[in-house]
Amino acid sequence: MKNVFKKVNNKVNEMVIKAKNAIDNKKGEGYIDSGVKIIIAVVIGALLLGLLYTLFKTVIEPNLTSKVVGLFNYSGT
């Protein structure tokens, strides 16, 4: 009977040590931190793509269109 109590006591002590190590862990990298980083990256990426799309539609495309039309409307007189 003493042997069973020793095994149980050892198992409980092992679990207490694991719990204490988990609480004392100062690493700070968890699922929530990683999720927030991913969300921030997606939002910044979407903003950059939106900015590039707007820039292309308002500045680059009209300039490019006028230059191409100018090239093809060449009059060699």
N, C-alpha and C. Protein backbone atom coordinates (compact mmCIF):
# COMPACT_ATOMS: atom_id res chain seq x y z
N MET A 1 0.82 -1.20 0.00
CA MET A 1 0.00 0.00 0.00
C MET A 1 0.86 1.26 0.00
N LYS A 2 2.01 1.22 0.71
CA LYS A 2 2.90 2.37 0.75
C LYS A 2 3.45 2.69 -0.64
N ASN A 3 3.68 1.65 -1.42
CA ASN A 3 4.23 1.80 -2.76
C ASN A 3 3.26 2.57 -3.66
N VAL A 4 1.97 2.31 -3.54
CA VAL A 4 0.96 3.01 -4.33
C VAL A 4 0.92 4.48 -3.95
N PHE A 5 0.97 4.75 -2.64
CA PHE A 5 0.96 6.15 -2.19
C PHE A 5 2.21 6.89 -2.67
N LYS A 6 3.35 6.19 -2.71
CA LYS A 6 4.59 6.81 -3.20
C LYS A 6 4.47 7.17 -4.67
N LYS A 7 3.88 6.25 -5.46
CA LYS A 7 3.71 6.52 -6.89
C LYS A 7 2.78 7.70 -7.11
N VAL A 8 1.69 7.73 -6.36
CA VAL A 8 0.74 8.83 -6.49
C VAL A 8 1.40 10.14 -6.06
N ASN A 9 2.13 10.10 -4.97
CA ASN A 9 2.82 11.29 -4.47
C ASN A 9 3.84 11.79 -5.50
N ASN A 10 4.58 10.87 -6.12
CA ASN A 10 5.56 11.26 -7.14
C ASN A 10 4.87 11.88 -8.35
N LYS A 11 3.75 11.30 -8.76
CA LYS A 11 3.00 11.83 -9.91
C LYS A 11 2.48 13.23 -9.61
N VAL A 12 1.94 13.43 -8.40
CA VAL A 12 1.43 14.75 -8.01
C VAL A 12 2.57 15.76 -7.97
N ASN A 13 3.70 15.37 -7.40
CA ASN A 13 4.86 16.28 -7.36
C ASN A 13 5.33 16.65 -8.77
N GLU A 14 5.32 15.66 -9.67
CA GLU A 14 5.72 15.91 -11.05
C GLU A 14 4.78 16.91 -11.73
N MET A 15 3.49 16.73 -11.50
CA MET A 15 2.51 17.66 -12.08
C MET A 15 2.64 19.06 -11.49
N VAL A 16 2.92 19.15 -10.20
CA VAL A 16 3.11 20.45 -9.56
C VAL A 16 4.32 21.15 -10.14
N ILE A 17 5.39 20.41 -10.34
CA ILE A 17 6.61 21.00 -10.92
C ILE A 17 6.35 21.49 -12.35
N LYS A 18 5.63 20.69 -13.14
CA LYS A 18 5.30 21.12 -14.51
C LYS A 18 4.44 22.38 -14.50
N ALA A 19 3.47 22.43 -13.62
CA ALA A 19 2.61 23.61 -13.53
C ALA A 19 3.40 24.83 -13.11
N LYS A 20 4.29 24.66 -12.13
CA LYS A 20 5.11 25.78 -11.66
C LYS A 20 6.03 26.28 -12.77
N ASN A 21 6.61 25.36 -13.54
CA ASN A 21 7.46 25.76 -14.66
C ASN A 21 6.66 26.52 -15.72
N ALA A 22 5.45 26.08 -15.98
CA ALA A 22 4.61 26.75 -16.96
C ALA A 22 4.25 28.16 -16.50
N ILE A 23 3.99 28.32 -15.22
CA ILE A 23 3.64 29.65 -14.68
C ILE A 23 4.86 30.57 -14.67
N ASP A 24 6.02 30.02 -14.34
CA ASP A 24 7.24 30.82 -14.26
C ASP A 24 7.84 31.15 -15.62
N ASN A 25 7.33 30.53 -16.68
CA ASN A 25 7.86 30.75 -18.02
C ASN A 25 7.64 32.21 -18.42
N LYS A 26 8.70 32.91 -18.75
CA LYS A 26 8.64 34.33 -19.10
C LYS A 26 8.77 34.56 -20.60
N LYS A 27 8.62 33.51 -21.38
CA LYS A 27 8.84 33.62 -22.81
C LYS A 27 7.88 34.61 -23.46
N GLY A 28 6.60 34.53 -23.15
CA GLY A 28 5.63 35.51 -23.63
C GLY A 28 5.10 35.29 -25.03
N GLU A 29 5.56 34.27 -25.70
CA GLU A 29 5.06 33.99 -27.06
C GLU A 29 3.96 32.97 -26.96
N GLY A 30 2.76 33.38 -27.31
CA GLY A 30 1.64 32.46 -27.21
C GLY A 30 0.78 32.54 -28.45
N TYR A 31 -0.35 31.87 -28.40
CA TYR A 31 -1.24 31.84 -29.54
C TYR A 31 -1.83 33.22 -29.82
N ILE A 32 -2.14 33.96 -28.77
CA ILE A 32 -2.75 35.27 -28.97
C ILE A 32 -1.75 36.23 -29.61
N ASP A 33 -0.51 36.22 -29.14
CA ASP A 33 0.52 37.08 -29.72
C ASP A 33 0.71 36.78 -31.21
N SER A 34 0.79 35.50 -31.54
CA SER A 34 0.98 35.12 -32.94
C SER A 34 -0.22 35.54 -33.78
N GLY A 35 -1.41 35.37 -33.24
CA GLY A 35 -2.62 35.77 -33.97
C GLY A 35 -2.67 37.26 -34.22
N VAL A 36 -2.28 38.04 -33.22
CA VAL A 36 -2.28 39.50 -33.38
C VAL A 36 -1.26 39.91 -34.43
N LYS A 37 -0.10 39.27 -34.43
CA LYS A 37 0.92 39.59 -35.44
C LYS A 37 0.41 39.28 -36.85
N ILE A 38 -0.27 38.16 -37.00
CA ILE A 38 -0.80 37.79 -38.32
C ILE A 38 -1.87 38.77 -38.76
N ILE A 39 -2.75 39.16 -37.85
CA ILE A 39 -3.81 40.12 -38.20
C ILE A 39 -3.20 41.46 -38.59
N ILE A 40 -2.20 41.92 -37.85
CA ILE A 40 -1.54 43.19 -38.19
C ILE A 40 -0.89 43.10 -39.57
N ALA A 41 -0.23 42.00 -39.86
CA ALA A 41 0.42 41.83 -41.17
C ALA A 41 -0.61 41.84 -42.29
N VAL A 42 -1.75 41.19 -42.09
CA VAL A 42 -2.79 41.16 -43.12
C VAL A 42 -3.37 42.55 -43.34
N VAL A 43 -3.62 43.29 -42.26
CA VAL A 43 -4.19 44.63 -42.39
C VAL A 43 -3.21 45.57 -43.10
N ILE A 44 -1.95 45.52 -42.72
CA ILE A 44 -0.95 46.38 -43.37
C ILE A 44 -0.80 46.01 -44.84
N GLY A 45 -0.80 44.71 -45.14
CA GLY A 45 -0.72 44.27 -46.53
C GLY A 45 -1.91 44.75 -47.35
N ALA A 46 -3.10 44.67 -46.77
CA ALA A 46 -4.29 45.14 -47.48
C ALA A 46 -4.24 46.64 -47.73
N LEU A 47 -3.76 47.39 -46.73
CA LEU A 47 -3.64 48.84 -46.91
C LEU A 47 -2.63 49.18 -48.01
N LEU A 48 -1.51 48.48 -48.03
CA LEU A 48 -0.51 48.73 -49.07
C LEU A 48 -1.04 48.38 -50.46
N LEU A 49 -1.75 47.26 -50.57
CA LEU A 49 -2.32 46.90 -51.87
C LEU A 49 -3.37 47.91 -52.31
N GLY A 50 -4.19 48.37 -51.38
CA GLY A 50 -5.18 49.39 -51.71
C GLY A 50 -4.54 50.68 -52.16
N LEU A 51 -3.47 51.07 -51.48
CA LEU A 51 -2.74 52.29 -51.85
C LEU A 51 -2.13 52.15 -53.24
N LEU A 52 -1.51 51.01 -53.51
CA LEU A 52 -0.92 50.79 -54.83
C LEU A 52 -1.99 50.76 -55.93
N TYR A 53 -3.12 50.14 -55.64
CA TYR A 53 -4.21 50.08 -56.62
C TYR A 53 -4.72 51.49 -56.92
N THR A 54 -4.93 52.29 -55.87
CA THR A 54 -5.40 53.66 -56.05
C THR A 54 -4.38 54.50 -56.81
N LEU A 55 -3.11 54.35 -56.46
CA LEU A 55 -2.05 55.09 -57.15
C LEU A 55 -2.00 54.71 -58.62
N PHE A 56 -2.13 53.42 -58.90
CA PHE A 56 -2.06 52.96 -60.29
C PHE A 56 -3.24 53.50 -61.09
N LYS A 57 -4.44 53.47 -60.51
CA LYS A 57 -5.64 53.90 -61.24
C LYS A 57 -5.67 55.41 -61.45
N THR A 58 -5.15 56.19 -60.52
CA THR A 58 -5.28 57.65 -60.62
C THR A 58 -4.08 58.34 -61.25
N VAL A 59 -2.90 57.78 -61.11
CA VAL A 59 -1.70 58.48 -61.59
C VAL A 59 -1.04 57.74 -62.76
N ILE A 60 -0.77 56.49 -62.58
CA ILE A 60 0.04 55.76 -63.56
C ILE A 60 -0.76 55.44 -64.82
N GLU A 61 -1.98 54.93 -64.68
CA GLU A 61 -2.75 54.52 -65.84
C GLU A 61 -3.09 55.68 -66.78
N PRO A 62 -3.55 56.85 -66.28
CA PRO A 62 -3.82 57.96 -67.21
C PRO A 62 -2.56 58.43 -67.95
N ASN A 63 -1.43 58.51 -67.24
CA ASN A 63 -0.17 58.90 -67.88
C ASN A 63 0.23 57.90 -68.95
N LEU A 64 0.14 56.63 -68.62
CA LEU A 64 0.52 55.59 -69.56
C LEU A 64 -0.40 55.60 -70.78
N THR A 65 -1.69 55.77 -70.53
CA THR A 65 -2.65 55.80 -71.64
C THR A 65 -2.37 56.97 -72.57
N SER A 66 -2.13 58.14 -72.01
CA SER A 66 -1.86 59.31 -72.86
C SER A 66 -0.56 59.15 -73.65
N LYS A 67 0.44 58.53 -73.05
CA LYS A 67 1.71 58.34 -73.77
C LYS A 67 1.55 57.32 -74.90
N VAL A 68 0.80 56.25 -74.65
CA VAL A 68 0.59 55.24 -75.70
C VAL A 68 -0.23 55.83 -76.83
N VAL A 69 -1.28 56.57 -76.51
CA VAL A 69 -2.08 57.21 -77.55
C VAL A 69 -1.23 58.20 -78.32
N GLY A 70 -0.38 58.93 -77.64
CA GLY A 70 0.52 59.87 -78.30
C GLY A 70 1.47 59.17 -79.25
N LEU A 71 1.93 57.98 -78.87
CA LEU A 71 2.83 57.24 -79.75
C LEU A 71 2.13 56.75 -81.02
N PHE A 72 0.90 56.30 -80.89
CA PHE A 72 0.21 55.76 -82.04
C PHE A 72 -0.43 56.84 -82.91
N ASN A 73 -0.59 58.03 -82.40
CA ASN A 73 -1.13 59.14 -83.19
C ASN A 73 0.00 59.96 -83.81
N TYR A 74 1.06 59.31 -84.14
CA TYR A 74 2.21 59.98 -84.72
C TYR A 74 1.89 60.44 -86.15
N SER A 75 2.15 61.68 -86.38
CA SER A 75 1.95 62.17 -87.75
C SER A 75 3.33 62.55 -88.30
N GLY A 76 3.73 61.88 -89.31
CA GLY A 76 5.07 62.10 -89.86
C GLY A 76 5.08 63.10 -91.00
N THR A 77 4.55 64.27 -90.79
CA THR A 77 4.52 65.26 -91.87
C THR A 77 5.74 66.10 -91.91
